[in-house]
Amino acid sequence: MVVTPDHHHTVTPMLCVPDAAAAIAFYCEVFDAPEIFDRHVDEAGKVGHAEVLIGDSPVWIVDEYPEYDIHPPRGPAPVQMIVYVPDVDSVFDRAIAAGATVYHPPTDMPYGERNGRFDDPFGYRWSIRMRH
């Protein structure tokens, strides 16, 4: 039996970024996501652990820790974050205004979804989706 903390799911992503404080601000703004965990900041000022809640899913955010082999993406991340939202266009617009770059603008898809994809300033690609 898998036992997870109350606000977690079986799979919870941990994003390593080059500037965790800036990433937290970005994700909170773009996704209207609250920070749900008291940030652990080490003596050097690096974020060792923080959590934001995107929809009903916690996302962990940490700074780079080479001594523990924790690194941000070097080039495009090999994983894409898929997030279902009530309004693709407003989330997408907030992301671009906050510094993300357009990968694919919001488009109605033949399989009944509207989606758009952007690359955040920290190396991750996000696919923002909603059902029609």
C-alpha atoms as a PDB file:
ATOM      1  CA  MET A   1       0.000   0.000   0.000  1.00  0.00           C
ATOM      2  CA  VAL A   2       1.324   3.416  -0.981  1.00  0.00           C
ATOM      3  CA  VAL A   3       0.855   6.096   1.624  1.00  0.00           C
ATOM      4  CA  THR A   4       1.163   9.682   0.430  1.00  0.00           C
ATOM      5  CA  PRO A   5       0.825  12.938   2.370  1.00  0.00           C
ATOM      6  CA  ASP A   6      -2.670  14.446   2.336  1.00  0.00           C
ATOM      7  CA  HIS A   7      -2.055  17.041  -0.375  1.00  0.00           C
ATOM      8  CA  HIS A   8       0.035  14.854  -2.682  1.00  0.00           C
ATOM      9  CA  HIS A   9      -0.696  12.390  -5.448  1.00  0.00           C
ATOM     10  CA  THR A  10       1.147   9.196  -6.299  1.00  0.00           C
ATOM     11  CA  VAL A  11       3.374  11.113  -8.735  1.00  0.00           C
ATOM     12  CA  THR A  12       4.594  14.583  -7.767  1.00  0.00           C
ATOM     13  CA  PRO A  13       7.061  16.416 -10.011  1.00  0.00           C
ATOM     14  CA  MET A  14      10.143  18.097  -8.586  1.00  0.00           C
ATOM     15  CA  LEU A  15      11.468  20.833 -10.857  1.00  0.00           C
ATOM     16  CA  CYS A  16      15.077  21.839 -10.436  1.00  0.00           C
ATOM     17  CA  VAL A  17      15.567  25.373 -11.708  1.00  0.00           C
ATOM     18  CA  PRO A  18      18.450  27.861 -11.867  1.00  0.00           C
ATOM     19  CA  ASP A  19      16.526  30.394  -9.708  1.00  0.00           C
ATOM     20  CA  ALA A  20      13.889  28.808  -7.483  1.00  0.00           C
ATOM     21  CA  ALA A  21      12.617  32.081  -6.009  1.00  0.00           C
ATOM     22  CA  ALA A  22      11.966  33.463  -9.509  1.00  0.00           C
ATOM     23  CA  ALA A  23      10.377  30.175 -10.621  1.00  0.00           C
ATOM     24  CA  ILE A  24       8.039  30.146  -7.626  1.00  0.00           C
ATOM     25  CA  ALA A  25       6.946  33.701  -8.425  1.00  0.00           C
ATOM     26  CA  PHE A  26       6.419  32.744 -12.094  1.00  0.00           C
ATOM     27  CA  TYR A  27       4.338  29.623 -11.364  1.00  0.00           C
ATOM     28  CA  CYS A  28       2.275  31.410  -8.698  1.00  0.00           C
ATOM     29  CA  GLU A  29       1.500  34.242 -11.143  1.00  0.00           C
ATOM     30  CA  VAL A  30       0.847  32.153 -14.254  1.00  0.00           C
ATOM     31  CA  PHE A  31      -1.205  29.388 -12.648  1.00  0.00           C
ATOM     32  CA  ASP A  32      -2.687  31.425  -9.778  1.00  0.00           C
ATOM     33  CA  ALA A  33      -0.945  28.836  -7.624  1.00  0.00           C
ATOM     34  CA  PRO A  34      -0.495  29.259  -3.887  1.00  0.00           C
ATOM     35  CA  GLU A  35       2.769  28.331  -2.238  1.00  0.00           C
ATOM     36  CA  ILE A  36       1.711  25.514   0.096  1.00  0.00           C
ATOM     37  CA  PHE A  37       4.892  24.655   1.977  1.00  0.00           C
ATOM     38  CA  ASP A  38       7.224  26.788   4.052  1.00  0.00           C
ATOM     39  CA  ARG A  39      10.282  27.254   1.879  1.00  0.00           C
ATOM     40  CA  HIS A  40      13.445  25.571   3.088  1.00  0.00           C
ATOM     41  CA  VAL A  41      16.289  27.961   2.335  1.00  0.00           C
ATOM     42  CA  ASP A  42      19.854  26.941   3.141  1.00  0.00           C
ATOM     43  CA  GLU A  43      22.613  29.134   4.579  1.00  0.00           C
ATOM     44  CA  ALA A  44      23.728  30.075   1.056  1.00  0.00           C
ATOM     45  CA  GLY A  45      20.216  31.323   0.240  1.00  0.00           C
ATOM     46  CA  LYS A  46      19.338  28.427  -2.073  1.00  0.00           C
ATOM     47  CA  VAL A  47      15.871  26.909  -1.980  1.00  0.00           C
ATOM     48  CA  GLY A  48      16.203  23.278  -0.947  1.00  0.00           C
ATOM     49  CA  HIS A  49      12.471  22.636  -1.034  1.00  0.00           C
ATOM     50  CA  ALA A  50       9.334  24.601  -1.881  1.00  0.00           C
ATOM     51  CA  GLU A  51       5.897  23.583  -3.096  1.00  0.00           C
ATOM     52  CA  VAL A  52       3.242  25.309  -5.157  1.00  0.00           C
ATOM     53  CA  LEU A  53      -0.214  23.932  -5.846  1.00  0.00           C
ATOM     54  CA  ILE A  54      -1.150  24.013  -9.523  1.00  0.00           C
ATOM     55  CA  GLY A  55      -4.805  23.049  -9.697  1.00  0.00           C
ATOM     56  CA  ASP A  56      -4.991  20.101  -7.319  1.00  0.00           C
ATOM     57  CA  SER A  57      -1.384  19.005  -7.890  1.00  0.00           C
ATOM     58  CA  PRO A  58       1.625  19.965  -5.806  1.00  0.00           C
ATOM     59  CA  VAL A  59       4.819  20.774  -7.689  1.00  0.00           C
ATOM     60  CA  TRP A  60       8.108  20.796  -5.814  1.00  0.00           C
ATOM     61  CA  ILE A  61      10.657  23.428  -6.776  1.00  0.00           C
ATOM     62  CA  VAL A  62      14.337  23.418  -5.840  1.00  0.00           C
ATOM     63  CA  ASP A  63      17.487  25.255  -6.747  1.00  0.00           C
ATOM     64  CA  GLU A  64      20.407  23.463  -8.337  1.00  0.00           C
ATOM     65  CA  TYR A  65      22.499  21.292  -6.006  1.00  0.00           C
ATOM     66  CA  PRO A  66      25.395  19.826  -8.014  1.00  0.00           C
ATOM     67  CA  GLU A  67      26.761  18.120  -4.897  1.00  0.00           C
ATOM     68  CA  TYR A  68      23.592  15.968  -4.883  1.00  0.00           C
ATOM     69  CA  ASP A  69      23.474  15.645  -8.686  1.00  0.00           C
ATOM     70  CA  ILE A  70      20.362  17.848  -8.852  1.00  0.00           C
ATOM     71  CA  HIS A  71      20.540  20.026 -11.969  1.00  0.00           C
ATOM     72  CA  PRO A  72      18.140  22.140 -14.024  1.00  0.00           C
ATOM     73  CA  PRO A  73      17.575  21.169 -17.658  1.00  0.00           C
ATOM     74  CA  ARG A  74      20.438  21.897 -20.024  1.00  0.00           C
ATOM     75  CA  GLY A  75      18.498  22.640 -23.175  1.00  0.00           C
ATOM     76  CA  PRO A  76      14.903  21.479 -23.570  1.00  0.00           C
ATOM     77  CA  ALA A  77      13.690  19.383 -20.642  1.00  0.00           C
ATOM     78  CA  PRO A  78      13.031  15.750 -21.563  1.00  0.00           C
ATOM     79  CA  VAL A  79       9.587  15.944 -19.956  1.00  0.00           C
ATOM     80  CA  GLN A  80       6.570  18.118 -20.690  1.00  0.00           C
ATOM     81  CA  MET A  81       4.174  19.266 -17.990  1.00  0.00           C
ATOM     82  CA  ILE A  82       0.506  18.875 -18.998  1.00  0.00           C
ATOM     83  CA  VAL A  83      -1.926  21.055 -17.059  1.00  0.00           C
ATOM     84  CA  TYR A  84      -5.695  21.184 -17.477  1.00  0.00           C
ATOM     85  CA  VAL A  85      -7.045  24.667 -16.786  1.00  0.00           C
ATOM     86  CA  PRO A  86     -10.449  26.387 -17.063  1.00  0.00           C
ATOM     87  CA  ASP A  87      -9.192  28.972 -19.589  1.00  0.00           C
ATOM     88  CA  VAL A  88      -6.208  28.139 -21.807  1.00  0.00           C
ATOM     89  CA  ASP A  89      -5.942  31.600 -23.319  1.00  0.00           C
ATOM     90  CA  SER A  90      -5.730  33.519 -20.040  1.00  0.00           C
ATOM     91  CA  VAL A  91      -3.112  31.172 -18.561  1.00  0.00           C
ATOM     92  CA  PHE A  92      -1.141  31.245 -21.803  1.00  0.00           C
ATOM     93  CA  ASP A  93      -1.259  35.056 -21.952  1.00  0.00           C
ATOM     94  CA  ARG A  94      -0.081  35.347 -18.331  1.00  0.00           C
ATOM     95  CA  ALA A  95       2.797  32.966 -19.066  1.00  0.00           C
ATOM     96  CA  ILE A  96       3.980  34.953 -22.075  1.00  0.00           C
ATOM     97  CA  ALA A  97       3.642  38.242 -20.166  1.00  0.00           C
ATOM     98  CA  ALA A  98       5.722  36.732 -17.333  1.00  0.00           C
ATOM     99  CA  GLY A  99       8.596  35.753 -19.648  1.00  0.00           C
ATOM    100  CA  ALA A 100       7.683  32.404 -21.214  1.00  0.00           C
ATOM    101  CA  THR A 101       8.219  31.838 -24.926  1.00  0.00           C
ATOM    102  CA  VAL A 102       5.582  30.542 -27.309  1.00  0.00           C
ATOM    103  CA  TYR A 103       6.130  26.990 -28.512  1.00  0.00           C
ATOM    104  CA  HIS A 104       2.627  26.507 -29.944  1.00  0.00           C
ATOM    105  CA  PRO A 105      -0.146  29.115 -29.597  1.00  0.00           C
ATOM    106  CA  PRO A 106      -3.538  28.088 -28.199  1.00  0.00           C
ATOM    107  CA  THR A 107      -5.395  26.082 -30.828  1.00  0.00           C
ATOM    108  CA  ASP A 108      -8.617  24.080 -30.975  1.00  0.00           C
ATOM    109  CA  MET A 109      -7.658  20.467 -31.596  1.00  0.00           C
ATOM    110  CA  PRO A 110      -9.720  17.840 -33.473  1.00  0.00           C
ATOM    111  CA  TYR A 111      -9.866  15.586 -30.400  1.00  0.00           C
ATOM    112  CA  GLY A 112     -12.008  18.033 -28.395  1.00  0.00           C
ATOM    113  CA  GLU A 113      -9.379  20.035 -26.548  1.00  0.00           C
ATOM    114  CA  ARG A 114      -7.919  23.490 -26.813  1.00  0.00           C
ATOM    115  CA  ASN A 115      -4.241  23.594 -26.012  1.00  0.00           C
ATOM    116  CA  GLY A 116      -1.199  25.783 -26.189  1.00  0.00           C
ATOM    117  CA  ARG A 117       2.401  25.118 -25.264  1.00  0.00           C
ATOM    118  CA  PHE A 118       5.053  27.433 -23.891  1.00  0.00           C
ATOM    119  CA  ASP A 119       8.601  27.147 -22.603  1.00  0.00           C
ATOM    120  CA  ASP A 120       9.063  28.745 -19.212  1.00  0.00           C
ATOM    121  CA  PRO A 121      12.183  30.796 -18.400  1.00  0.00           C
ATOM    122  CA  PHE A 122      13.568  27.878 -16.350  1.00  0.00           C
ATOM    123  CA  GLY A 123      13.824  25.182 -19.017  1.00  0.00           C
ATOM    124  CA  TYR A 124      10.456  23.409 -18.835  1.00  0.00           C
ATOM    125  CA  ARG A 125       7.767  23.071 -21.495  1.00  0.00           C
ATOM    126  CA  TRP A 126       4.153  23.350 -20.403  1.00  0.00           C
ATOM    127  CA  SER A 127       1.133  22.112 -22.352  1.00  0.00           C
ATOM    128  CA  ILE A 128      -1.931  24.030 -21.185  1.00  0.00           C
ATOM    129  CA  ARG A 129      -5.208  22.285 -22.029  1.00  0.00           C
ATOM    130  CA  MET A 130      -8.941  22.403 -21.590  1.00  0.00           C
ATOM    131  CA  ARG A 131     -11.768  20.185 -22.815  1.00  0.00           C
ATOM    132  CA  HIS A 132     -14.409  21.718 -25.106  1.00  0.00           C
END
